[in-house]
Each structure stands twice: as structure tokens, then as C-alpha cells.
Amino acid sequence: SHPLFLLHTSGSTGTPKGVVHGHGGYMVGVAWALRHLFDLKPGEVFHTTADLFWIVGHSFGLYAPLFLGGTSLLLEDRPDHPSPAAFYERLNRLGVGLLLTSPTFLRTLRRHGEARPTGLRLVGSVGEALAPEVWRWTRENLAWPLDNWWQTELGAPALATSL
């Protein structure tokens, strides 16, 4: 129960509030979510487009994959820089099987079209729900979409779809 980090958010109320996350419970929670909700397979390469300063970035880009003994791809720049084709090429070259990203980034990829990744098995979303047309485009052009609703204070999905 030793504190891991303190997360401050104002949420929709505009009133700051802090949540203390402890090592044990938090690590078990994010590892469980990555393994069972996002279906990370042993040996699979995982990538999230979230930066490390966002709850998703450090929890699912760093803590959970390492806790599970997995491989995580971390990028320092915009994921689609210099183009969506370069993003897809990087996913293919590095063997990414599971992508966790935002509906905003999926809408960006949808607008650009271009090349497609070949090795993706699943695409998890974070933030708001996927619009039906984005869900369909993701299924037809990337991989099976896993739509989730997050609450920042939890650091993990509060509701999630299943396979």
C-alpha cells in the first residue's frame, strides 16, 4: 500500500481533487487491464500513442507492460510524424500487435488513409467512446477495435468492451 503517485485532476467540476494510488493495488489493476481487457499476449509488442505525462502513457506504456514482462514501444514524437505511412511502417517493422490510442488519433488516421499496418491484432481506445464510423473504419483498416470509457482518477477503464 506504499504510495506510487498522486494524481490531481479537476474533471468536469473544475475543482481540483487528488487521488493517491498505491503500488500494489494500482499495479495489479493496470496489469490486469492490459492482460485481460486489452488481451496482451506473452511476447507481443505493445504500443500506446499516449505520452508518459498522461495517466495512460505511464500506466499502460510503462508500468503495466514491464510488470507483465512485456515489450513496450515508446516514441518521443507525434506518432504520425512525418506521415501516417511512417507510423504504419514503424508498427510493421517493430512487430506491434496491440495498439492503445485515442479516438482523436484514429480519426486522424482515417482522414489520411494511405498505407496500412499488417501485424496489428487489436486497437484499444482511451477517452471518449468511438463513433460508429470510426469503429467500423478501425475494424476494416487496422484491427479489431476495443472501445473503452476511462475515468482519469482510476487510471484505467471504468467500462470496456470484450472480444
C-alpha atoms as a PDB file:
ATOM      1  CA  SER A   1       0.000   0.000   0.000  1.00  0.00           C
ATOM      2  CA  HIS A   2       3.034   2.303  -0.277  1.00  0.00           C
ATOM      3  CA  PRO A   3       2.123   5.382  -2.386  1.00  0.00           C
ATOM      4  CA  LEU A   4       3.132   5.095  -6.043  1.00  0.00           C
ATOM      5  CA  PHE A   5       1.926   8.505  -7.217  1.00  0.00           C
ATOM      6  CA  LEU A   6      -0.617  11.240  -6.549  1.00  0.00           C
ATOM      7  CA  LEU A   7      -2.901  12.153  -9.428  1.00  0.00           C
ATOM      8  CA  HIS A   8      -4.550  15.559  -9.495  1.00  0.00           C
ATOM      9  CA  THR A   9      -7.429  16.321 -11.802  1.00  0.00           C
ATOM     10  CA  SER A  10     -10.171  18.889 -11.949  1.00  0.00           C
ATOM     11  CA  GLY A  11     -12.527  16.821 -14.080  1.00  0.00           C
ATOM     12  CA  SER A  12     -15.822  18.311 -15.142  1.00  0.00           C
ATOM     13  CA  THR A  13     -16.330  20.103 -11.821  1.00  0.00           C
ATOM     14  CA  GLY A  14     -13.309  22.398 -12.198  1.00  0.00           C
ATOM     15  CA  THR A  15     -12.485  21.686  -8.552  1.00  0.00           C
ATOM     16  CA  PRO A  16      -9.037  20.118  -8.064  1.00  0.00           C
ATOM     17  CA  LYS A  17      -9.023  16.748  -6.401  1.00  0.00           C
ATOM     18  CA  GLY A  18      -6.210  14.303  -5.758  1.00  0.00           C
ATOM     19  CA  VAL A  19      -6.150  10.541  -5.678  1.00  0.00           C
ATOM     20  CA  VAL A  20      -3.295   8.580  -4.080  1.00  0.00           C
ATOM     21  CA  HIS A  21      -2.503   5.383  -5.974  1.00  0.00           C
ATOM     22  CA  GLY A  22      -0.601   2.689  -4.081  1.00  0.00           C
ATOM     23  CA  HIS A  23       1.943   0.312  -5.632  1.00  0.00           C
ATOM     24  CA  GLY A  24       0.102  -2.944  -5.009  1.00  0.00           C
ATOM     25  CA  GLY A  25      -3.455  -2.142  -5.979  1.00  0.00           C
ATOM     26  CA  TYR A  26      -2.597   0.140  -8.849  1.00  0.00           C
ATOM     27  CA  MET A  27      -0.039  -2.202 -10.395  1.00  0.00           C
ATOM     28  CA  VAL A  28      -2.379  -5.163 -10.140  1.00  0.00           C
ATOM     29  CA  GLY A  29      -5.176  -3.097 -11.705  1.00  0.00           C
ATOM     30  CA  VAL A  30      -3.255  -1.803 -14.726  1.00  0.00           C
ATOM     31  CA  ALA A  31      -1.584  -5.173 -15.306  1.00  0.00           C
ATOM     32  CA  TRP A  32      -4.968  -6.909 -15.122  1.00  0.00           C
ATOM     33  CA  ALA A  33      -6.477  -4.409 -17.593  1.00  0.00           C
ATOM     34  CA  LEU A  34      -3.626  -4.765 -20.094  1.00  0.00           C
ATOM     35  CA  ARG A  35      -3.702  -8.565 -19.916  1.00  0.00           C
ATOM     36  CA  HIS A  36      -7.465  -9.172 -19.748  1.00  0.00           C
ATOM     37  CA  LEU A  37      -9.226  -6.149 -21.259  1.00  0.00           C
ATOM     38  CA  PHE A  38      -6.650  -5.348 -23.935  1.00  0.00           C
ATOM     39  CA  ASP A  39      -5.638  -9.010 -24.324  1.00  0.00           C
ATOM     40  CA  LEU A  40      -1.857  -8.549 -24.313  1.00  0.00           C
ATOM     41  CA  LYS A  41      -0.329 -11.901 -25.248  1.00  0.00           C
ATOM     42  CA  PRO A  42       3.051 -13.109 -23.931  1.00  0.00           C
ATOM     43  CA  GLY A  43       5.806 -11.923 -26.267  1.00  0.00           C
ATOM     44  CA  GLU A  44       3.559  -9.441 -28.062  1.00  0.00           C
ATOM     45  CA  VAL A  45       4.842  -5.913 -28.678  1.00  0.00           C
ATOM     46  CA  PHE A  46       2.548  -3.243 -27.239  1.00  0.00           C
ATOM     47  CA  HIS A  47       2.423   0.437 -28.191  1.00  0.00           C
ATOM     48  CA  THR A  48       0.432   3.361 -26.867  1.00  0.00           C
ATOM     49  CA  THR A  49       0.435   6.749 -28.562  1.00  0.00           C
ATOM     50  CA  ALA A  50      -0.017   8.432 -25.164  1.00  0.00           C
ATOM     51  CA  ASP A  51       2.951  10.367 -23.833  1.00  0.00           C
ATOM     52  CA  LEU A  52       4.445   9.457 -20.455  1.00  0.00           C
ATOM     53  CA  PHE A  53       2.978  12.550 -18.776  1.00  0.00           C
ATOM     54  CA  TRP A  54      -0.588  11.325 -19.269  1.00  0.00           C
ATOM     55  CA  ILE A  55      -2.027   8.625 -16.985  1.00  0.00           C
ATOM     56  CA  VAL A  56      -2.360   6.229 -19.926  1.00  0.00           C
ATOM     57  CA  GLY A  57       1.223   6.864 -21.030  1.00  0.00           C
ATOM     58  CA  HIS A  58       2.952   5.915 -17.829  1.00  0.00           C
ATOM     59  CA  SER A  59       0.452   3.306 -16.674  1.00  0.00           C
ATOM     60  CA  PHE A  60      -0.020   1.407 -19.929  1.00  0.00           C
ATOM     61  CA  GLY A  61       3.091   2.472 -21.817  1.00  0.00           C
ATOM     62  CA  LEU A  62       5.497   1.727 -18.998  1.00  0.00           C
ATOM     63  CA  TYR A  63       4.202   0.225 -15.722  1.00  0.00           C
ATOM     64  CA  ALA A  64       1.817  -2.496 -16.951  1.00  0.00           C
ATOM     65  CA  PRO A  65       3.952  -3.932 -19.797  1.00  0.00           C
ATOM     66  CA  LEU A  66       7.027  -4.070 -17.551  1.00  0.00           C
ATOM     67  CA  PHE A  67       5.018  -5.621 -14.713  1.00  0.00           C
ATOM     68  CA  LEU A  68       3.871  -8.319 -17.147  1.00  0.00           C
ATOM     69  CA  GLY A  69       7.381  -8.842 -18.547  1.00  0.00           C
ATOM     70  CA  GLY A  70       6.280  -7.453 -21.898  1.00  0.00           C
ATOM     71  CA  THR A  71       7.762  -5.268 -24.583  1.00  0.00           C
ATOM     72  CA  SER A  72       6.500  -1.722 -24.993  1.00  0.00           C
ATOM     73  CA  LEU A  73       7.306   0.675 -27.829  1.00  0.00           C
ATOM     74  CA  LEU A  74       7.711   4.264 -26.591  1.00  0.00           C
ATOM     75  CA  LEU A  75       8.023   7.176 -29.025  1.00  0.00           C
ATOM     76  CA  GLU A  76       9.224  10.689 -28.342  1.00  0.00           C
ATOM     77  CA  ASP A  77       7.463  12.469 -31.219  1.00  0.00           C
ATOM     78  CA  ARG A  78       3.969  12.679 -32.663  1.00  0.00           C
ATOM     79  CA  PRO A  79       3.031   9.140 -33.642  1.00  0.00           C
ATOM     80  CA  ASP A  80       2.154  10.109 -37.227  1.00  0.00           C
ATOM     81  CA  HIS A  81       5.314  12.169 -37.831  1.00  0.00           C
ATOM     82  CA  PRO A  82       6.327  12.680 -40.591  1.00  0.00           C
ATOM     83  CA  SER A  83       3.256  10.881 -42.022  1.00  0.00           C
ATOM     84  CA  PRO A  84       0.714   8.173 -41.180  1.00  0.00           C
ATOM     85  CA  ALA A  85       2.569   5.891 -43.612  1.00  0.00           C
ATOM     86  CA  ALA A  86       5.715   6.245 -41.464  1.00  0.00           C
ATOM     87  CA  PHE A  87       3.650   5.350 -38.384  1.00  0.00           C
ATOM     88  CA  TYR A  88       2.332   2.192 -40.069  1.00  0.00           C
ATOM     89  CA  GLU A  89       5.820   1.276 -41.303  1.00  0.00           C
ATOM     90  CA  ARG A  90       7.206   1.607 -37.755  1.00  0.00           C
ATOM     91  CA  LEU A  91       4.430  -0.621 -36.354  1.00  0.00           C
ATOM     92  CA  ASN A  92       5.155  -3.240 -39.035  1.00  0.00           C
ATOM     93  CA  ARG A  93       8.951  -3.081 -38.674  1.00  0.00           C
ATOM     94  CA  LEU A  94       8.840  -3.415 -34.877  1.00  0.00           C
ATOM     95  CA  GLY A  95       6.138  -6.093 -34.835  1.00  0.00           C
ATOM     96  CA  VAL A  96       3.484  -4.224 -32.841  1.00  0.00           C
ATOM     97  CA  GLY A  97       0.457  -6.442 -32.248  1.00  0.00           C
ATOM     98  CA  LEU A  98      -1.518  -4.276 -29.849  1.00  0.00           C
ATOM     99  CA  LEU A  99      -2.052  -0.521 -30.171  1.00  0.00           C
ATOM    100  CA  LEU A 100      -3.672   1.661 -27.495  1.00  0.00           C
ATOM    101  CA  THR A 101      -4.615   5.106 -28.760  1.00  0.00           C
ATOM    102  CA  SER A 102      -7.223   7.840 -28.651  1.00  0.00           C
ATOM    103  CA  PRO A 103     -10.311   8.228 -30.813  1.00  0.00           C
ATOM    104  CA  THR A 104      -8.802  11.563 -31.927  1.00  0.00           C
ATOM    105  CA  PHE A 105      -5.747   9.793 -33.379  1.00  0.00           C
ATOM    106  CA  LEU A 106      -7.943   7.165 -35.053  1.00  0.00           C
ATOM    107  CA  ARG A 107      -9.950   9.961 -36.699  1.00  0.00           C
ATOM    108  CA  THR A 108      -6.651  11.487 -37.910  1.00  0.00           C
ATOM    109  CA  LEU A 109      -5.544   8.190 -39.441  1.00  0.00           C
ATOM    110  CA  ARG A 110      -8.969   7.757 -41.031  1.00  0.00           C
ATOM    111  CA  ARG A 111      -8.679  11.139 -42.762  1.00  0.00           C
ATOM    112  CA  HIS A 112      -5.264  10.316 -44.218  1.00  0.00           C
ATOM    113  CA  GLY A 113      -5.880   6.802 -45.479  1.00  0.00           C
ATOM    114  CA  GLU A 114      -2.588   5.700 -47.101  1.00  0.00           C
ATOM    115  CA  ALA A 115      -0.661   2.575 -46.068  1.00  0.00           C
ATOM    116  CA  ARG A 116      -1.973   0.088 -43.538  1.00  0.00           C
ATOM    117  CA  PRO A 117      -0.273  -1.876 -40.757  1.00  0.00           C
ATOM    118  CA  THR A 118      -0.011  -5.623 -41.345  1.00  0.00           C
ATOM    119  CA  GLY A 119       0.710  -7.025 -37.872  1.00  0.00           C
ATOM    120  CA  LEU A 120      -1.851  -5.313 -35.655  1.00  0.00           C
ATOM    121  CA  ARG A 121      -4.224  -7.681 -33.891  1.00  0.00           C
ATOM    122  CA  LEU A 122      -6.100  -5.228 -31.655  1.00  0.00           C
ATOM    123  CA  VAL A 123      -6.591  -1.470 -31.338  1.00  0.00           C
ATOM    124  CA  GLY A 124      -7.715  -0.261 -27.913  1.00  0.00           C
ATOM    125  CA  SER A 125      -9.176   3.195 -27.461  1.00  0.00           C
ATOM    126  CA  VAL A 126      -8.967   5.533 -24.477  1.00  0.00           C
ATOM    127  CA  GLY A 127     -11.024   8.578 -23.654  1.00  0.00           C
ATOM    128  CA  GLU A 128     -14.428   9.087 -25.223  1.00  0.00           C
ATOM    129  CA  ALA A 129     -16.359   6.329 -26.957  1.00  0.00           C
ATOM    130  CA  LEU A 130     -15.583   5.585 -30.591  1.00  0.00           C
ATOM    131  CA  ALA A 131     -18.128   6.961 -33.048  1.00  0.00           C
ATOM    132  CA  PRO A 132     -19.707   4.123 -35.062  1.00  0.00           C
ATOM    133  CA  GLU A 133     -17.992   5.216 -38.295  1.00  0.00           C
ATOM    134  CA  VAL A 134     -14.571   5.296 -36.576  1.00  0.00           C
ATOM    135  CA  TRP A 135     -15.200   1.868 -35.035  1.00  0.00           C
ATOM    136  CA  ARG A 136     -16.092   0.464 -38.484  1.00  0.00           C
ATOM    137  CA  TRP A 137     -13.089   2.130 -40.172  1.00  0.00           C
ATOM    138  CA  THR A 138     -10.742   0.800 -37.459  1.00  0.00           C
ATOM    139  CA  ARG A 139     -12.153  -2.732 -37.866  1.00  0.00           C
ATOM    140  CA  GLU A 140     -11.874  -2.636 -41.668  1.00  0.00           C
ATOM    141  CA  ASN A 141      -8.454  -0.962 -41.942  1.00  0.00           C
ATOM    142  CA  LEU A 142      -6.411  -1.558 -38.783  1.00  0.00           C
ATOM    143  CA  ALA A 143      -7.543  -4.364 -36.483  1.00  0.00           C
ATOM    144  CA  TRP A 144     -10.300  -5.332 -34.094  1.00  0.00           C
ATOM    145  CA  PRO A 145     -11.263  -2.231 -32.017  1.00  0.00           C
ATOM    146  CA  LEU A 146     -11.712  -2.403 -28.247  1.00  0.00           C
ATOM    147  CA  ASP A 147     -13.827   0.543 -27.166  1.00  0.00           C
ATOM    148  CA  ASN A 148     -13.378   1.718 -23.586  1.00  0.00           C
ATOM    149  CA  TRP A 149     -14.529   4.501 -21.314  1.00  0.00           C
ATOM    150  CA  TRP A 150     -11.934   5.832 -18.894  1.00  0.00           C
ATOM    151  CA  GLN A 151     -12.030   7.848 -15.726  1.00  0.00           C
ATOM    152  CA  THR A 152      -8.768   9.726 -15.244  1.00  0.00           C
ATOM    153  CA  GLU A 153      -8.774   9.222 -11.484  1.00  0.00           C
ATOM    154  CA  LEU A 154      -8.893   5.445 -11.909  1.00  0.00           C
ATOM    155  CA  GLY A 155      -6.001   5.340 -14.361  1.00  0.00           C
ATOM    156  CA  ALA A 156      -7.751   2.503 -16.160  1.00  0.00           C
ATOM    157  CA  PRO A 157     -11.005   1.749 -17.992  1.00  0.00           C
ATOM    158  CA  ALA A 158     -14.180   2.022 -15.963  1.00  0.00           C
ATOM    159  CA  LEU A 159     -16.171   0.252 -18.726  1.00  0.00           C
ATOM    160  CA  ALA A 160     -14.792  -1.848 -21.546  1.00  0.00           C
ATOM    161  CA  THR A 161     -15.918  -3.920 -24.477  1.00  0.00           C
ATOM    162  CA  SER A 162     -14.811  -7.519 -24.785  1.00  0.00           C
ATOM    163  CA  LEU A 163     -13.634  -9.790 -27.558  1.00  0.00           C
END
